[in-house]
Structures are given as structure tokens and as C-alpha cells.
Amino acid sequence: MHVLIDDDLGRLTLRRLWPWHRLLARCLAPSLDQQLADGVRPEASAALAARAMVLTSVRYRCGLAASLRRMLAASASPHARPRPMAAARSAGAARQPHVPLRRDQIAGSASELDGLARCEGTGQPVPAQGVAMVSQLLADGGGPLYRAGSREDLDTVIQRASQVLTR
């Protein structure tokens, strides 16, 4: 597999993507996602290019869309209880970890979050930056979906991600 990478002179060159690039992209996923969300071009390095390929795949994007929809459904039901997970018989029934959602914020932005889910769930190509922004939004336990004291405003984050995804 080959990708376009910026060379030392700022030109795009075709480079081979080796298996260790994909492994590195997996190991450094949170850091690479943050860089991509901040606007670093995937062509800046082979690891960023490999991560961008994963982020923009239909499978990954459909998973993000499903996560957004599950989060919307969970926030709409104030008394939702964690479902038991499959566990070994000797361990008994385990419970899924419960992450408190900011239901009021999510309810106020439900239509915008649903719009993000629809955009992610399509087969149309989208920029890696937008997908990384949505991934960061869902994964950041200290972010506006989960904490009242978050430094970021949920509506602002959703608006930025929507703008990037619909370019």
C-alpha cells in the first residue's frame, strides 16, 4: 500500500506504507487523532497517513455514527441501567462501566449530534480532520459530553466538526 507524504522540499511524494507504520498509528492513535483534529495534514508523516486511512474508512465512521446514536439514546433515558456483559462463569455477571453523560447539554444539541451521526454514517468521503474531531469528542472523558467543567463548549465543538465534515 502506498500513500502521499510531504518530502523535505514540501512536495508530495509516493511512499510505501509499511506494516510498522500501521502498528505505530494504532499505538499512537490518541496523539495522532489530536494532531489530525488540530488540522495537521495527513501527508505530514506516514503514521498520520496510516491513521487517517483508518479514520476515514467506512467501517470506522459507521462505528462512530453508532456510538453517537447510542449516546443520544442513553441520554434520552434518564433511568437507563448498565446491561450485564458476558463474563466467565466464575467471575459472575460483570457490569459495563458507567460514564455519566451531561444529559441537559446533549438534549440541547441532539439534532446537531444526530446530524454528525448522519454525516459519519454515509459512504461519502470526508476529511480525516472532521472524523478525528468527532472521535475526540466521544473519547474525551473530560470533554463537554461528560463534564460540566469542560474547557470546551459542546455546541462550538459540534459546529466546528460539522463545518469540517461538510466542506
Protein backbone atom coordinates (compact mmCIF):
# COMPACT_ATOMS: atom_id res chain seq x y z
CA MET A 1 0.00 0.00 0.00
CA HIS A 2 1.26 3.46 -0.87
CA VAL A 3 0.44 6.94 0.45
CA LEU A 4 1.34 10.51 -0.45
CA ILE A 5 3.79 12.09 2.02
CA ASP A 6 5.36 15.56 2.09
CA ASP A 7 9.07 15.35 1.28
CA ASP A 8 11.81 17.67 2.61
CA LEU A 9 11.05 20.22 -0.10
CA GLY A 10 7.32 20.34 0.63
CA ARG A 11 6.34 18.27 -2.40
CA LEU A 12 4.05 15.27 -2.25
CA THR A 13 5.82 12.01 -3.00
CA LEU A 14 4.51 8.48 -3.20
CA ARG A 15 5.83 6.33 -0.32
CA ARG A 16 5.25 2.76 0.67
CA LEU A 17 3.23 2.26 3.86
CA TRP A 18 4.94 -0.50 5.83
CA PRO A 19 3.24 -2.67 8.46
CA TRP A 20 5.09 -0.86 11.26
CA HIS A 21 3.51 2.42 10.13
CA ARG A 22 0.08 0.89 10.71
CA LEU A 23 1.21 -0.52 14.06
CA LEU A 24 2.61 2.86 15.06
CA ALA A 25 -0.65 4.53 14.02
CA ARG A 26 -2.59 2.13 16.24
CA CYS A 27 -0.28 2.59 19.24
CA LEU A 28 -0.24 6.38 18.93
CA ALA A 29 -3.91 6.74 17.94
CA PRO A 30 -4.94 9.28 20.63
CA SER A 31 -1.98 11.53 19.87
CA LEU A 32 -2.38 11.23 16.10
CA ASP A 33 -6.13 11.86 16.37
CA GLN A 34 -5.43 15.04 18.32
CA GLN A 35 -2.94 16.20 15.69
CA LEU A 36 -5.38 15.49 12.87
CA ALA A 37 -8.22 17.21 14.76
CA ASP A 38 -5.97 20.25 15.21
CA GLY A 39 -5.51 20.46 11.44
CA VAL A 40 -2.18 18.73 10.83
CA ARG A 41 -2.28 17.30 7.30
CA PRO A 42 -2.20 13.50 7.00
CA GLU A 43 0.58 13.91 4.45
CA ALA A 44 2.92 15.19 7.19
CA SER A 45 4.06 11.66 8.14
CA ALA A 46 3.47 8.02 7.31
CA ALA A 47 1.94 7.39 10.76
CA LEU A 48 -0.54 10.25 10.28
CA ALA A 49 -1.40 8.96 6.80
CA ALA A 50 -1.96 5.45 8.17
CA ARG A 51 -4.19 6.79 10.96
CA ALA A 52 -6.13 8.97 8.51
CA MET A 53 -6.82 5.88 6.40
CA VAL A 54 -8.32 4.13 9.43
CA LEU A 55 -10.36 7.17 10.48
CA THR A 56 -11.84 7.72 7.04
CA SER A 57 -12.74 4.08 6.45
CA VAL A 58 -16.46 3.40 6.17
CA ARG A 59 -16.29 0.82 8.95
CA TYR A 60 -14.71 3.22 11.45
CA ARG A 61 -17.10 6.04 10.54
CA CYS A 62 -20.15 3.78 10.86
CA GLY A 63 -18.87 2.78 14.30
CA LEU A 64 -18.63 6.45 15.29
CA ALA A 65 -22.15 7.09 13.99
CA ALA A 66 -23.45 4.13 16.02
CA SER A 67 -21.67 5.44 19.12
CA LEU A 68 -23.25 8.86 18.66
CA ARG A 69 -26.69 7.28 18.31
CA ARG A 70 -26.19 5.10 21.41
CA MET A 71 -25.08 8.15 23.37
CA LEU A 72 -28.17 10.07 22.22
CA ALA A 73 -30.42 7.16 23.21
CA ALA A 74 -28.74 6.79 26.61
CA SER A 75 -29.04 10.49 27.34
CA ALA A 76 -32.77 10.43 26.47
CA SER A 77 -33.45 7.72 29.05
CA PRO A 78 -32.61 9.16 32.48
CA HIS A 79 -33.02 5.83 34.28
CA ALA A 80 -31.05 3.64 31.92
CA ARG A 81 -29.15 0.94 33.75
CA PRO A 82 -25.95 -0.69 32.57
CA ARG A 83 -26.54 -4.02 30.83
CA PRO A 84 -24.64 -7.11 32.03
CA MET A 85 -21.62 -8.04 29.93
CA ALA A 86 -20.66 -11.57 29.03
CA ALA A 87 -18.19 -12.84 31.59
CA ALA A 88 -16.67 -16.08 32.74
CA ARG A 89 -18.98 -18.14 34.98
CA SER A 90 -16.59 -17.93 37.89
CA ALA A 91 -16.48 -14.15 37.65
CA GLY A 92 -20.26 -13.77 37.77
CA ALA A 93 -22.07 -11.12 35.76
CA ALA A 94 -19.92 -8.08 35.17
CA ARG A 95 -21.35 -4.62 34.63
CA GLN A 96 -20.35 -2.27 31.86
CA PRO A 97 -18.56 0.82 33.13
CA HIS A 98 -20.97 3.71 33.55
CA VAL A 99 -19.86 7.10 32.27
CA PRO A 100 -22.18 9.91 33.32
CA LEU A 101 -23.44 11.95 30.42
CA ARG A 102 -24.38 15.63 30.52
CA ARG A 103 -27.94 14.87 29.53
CA ASP A 104 -29.02 18.53 29.52
CA GLN A 105 -26.24 19.54 27.12
CA ILE A 106 -26.80 16.53 24.90
CA ALA A 107 -30.57 17.12 24.78
CA GLY A 108 -29.96 20.74 23.77
CA SER A 109 -27.67 19.63 20.94
CA ALA A 110 -29.47 16.41 19.96
CA SER A 111 -30.33 17.47 16.41
CA GLU A 112 -26.75 18.64 15.74
CA LEU A 113 -25.32 15.40 17.19
CA ASP A 114 -27.73 13.41 15.05
CA GLY A 115 -26.51 15.41 12.05
CA LEU A 116 -22.93 14.40 12.89
CA ALA A 117 -24.05 10.77 13.10
CA ARG A 118 -25.76 11.01 9.70
CA CYS A 119 -22.68 12.61 8.16
CA GLU A 120 -20.39 9.92 9.61
CA GLY A 121 -22.68 7.09 8.54
CA THR A 122 -22.66 7.93 4.84
CA GLY A 123 -20.31 6.33 2.37
CA GLN A 124 -19.25 9.75 1.05
CA PRO A 125 -15.60 10.73 1.53
CA VAL A 126 -14.95 13.15 4.39
CA PRO A 127 -11.79 14.84 5.70
CA ALA A 128 -9.81 12.96 8.33
CA GLN A 129 -9.77 16.13 10.45
CA GLY A 130 -13.56 16.05 10.91
CA VAL A 131 -13.64 12.36 11.78
CA ALA A 132 -10.80 12.89 14.27
CA MET A 133 -12.76 15.75 15.86
CA VAL A 134 -15.83 13.54 16.36
CA SER A 135 -13.66 10.70 17.66
CA GLN A 136 -12.04 13.08 20.16
CA LEU A 137 -15.44 14.38 21.24
CA LEU A 138 -16.64 10.87 22.07
CA ALA A 139 -13.40 9.66 23.64
CA ASP A 140 -12.58 12.66 25.84
CA GLY A 141 -13.96 11.81 29.28
CA GLY A 142 -13.14 15.34 30.42
CA GLY A 143 -14.90 16.87 27.43
CA PRO A 144 -18.22 18.65 27.05
CA LEU A 145 -20.26 15.44 26.65
CA TYR A 146 -19.25 14.20 30.09
CA ARG A 147 -18.07 17.04 32.37
CA ALA A 148 -19.73 20.28 33.36
CA GLY A 149 -16.32 21.85 33.98
CA SER A 150 -15.06 21.18 30.47
CA ARG A 151 -13.00 23.91 28.86
CA GLU A 152 -14.88 23.48 25.59
CA ASP A 153 -18.48 24.27 24.74
CA LEU A 154 -20.38 21.35 23.18
CA ASP A 155 -22.16 23.48 20.59
CA THR A 156 -18.87 25.02 19.47
CA VAL A 157 -17.17 21.63 19.10
CA ILE A 158 -20.14 20.22 17.15
CA GLN A 159 -20.25 23.29 14.89
CA ARG A 160 -16.50 23.08 14.10
CA ALA A 161 -16.71 19.34 13.35
CA SER A 162 -19.79 19.84 11.15
CA GLN A 163 -18.08 22.58 9.18
CA VAL A 164 -15.02 20.42 8.54
CA LEU A 165 -17.10 17.34 7.63
CA THR A 166 -19.29 19.21 5.14
CA ARG A 167 -16.52 21.05 3.26
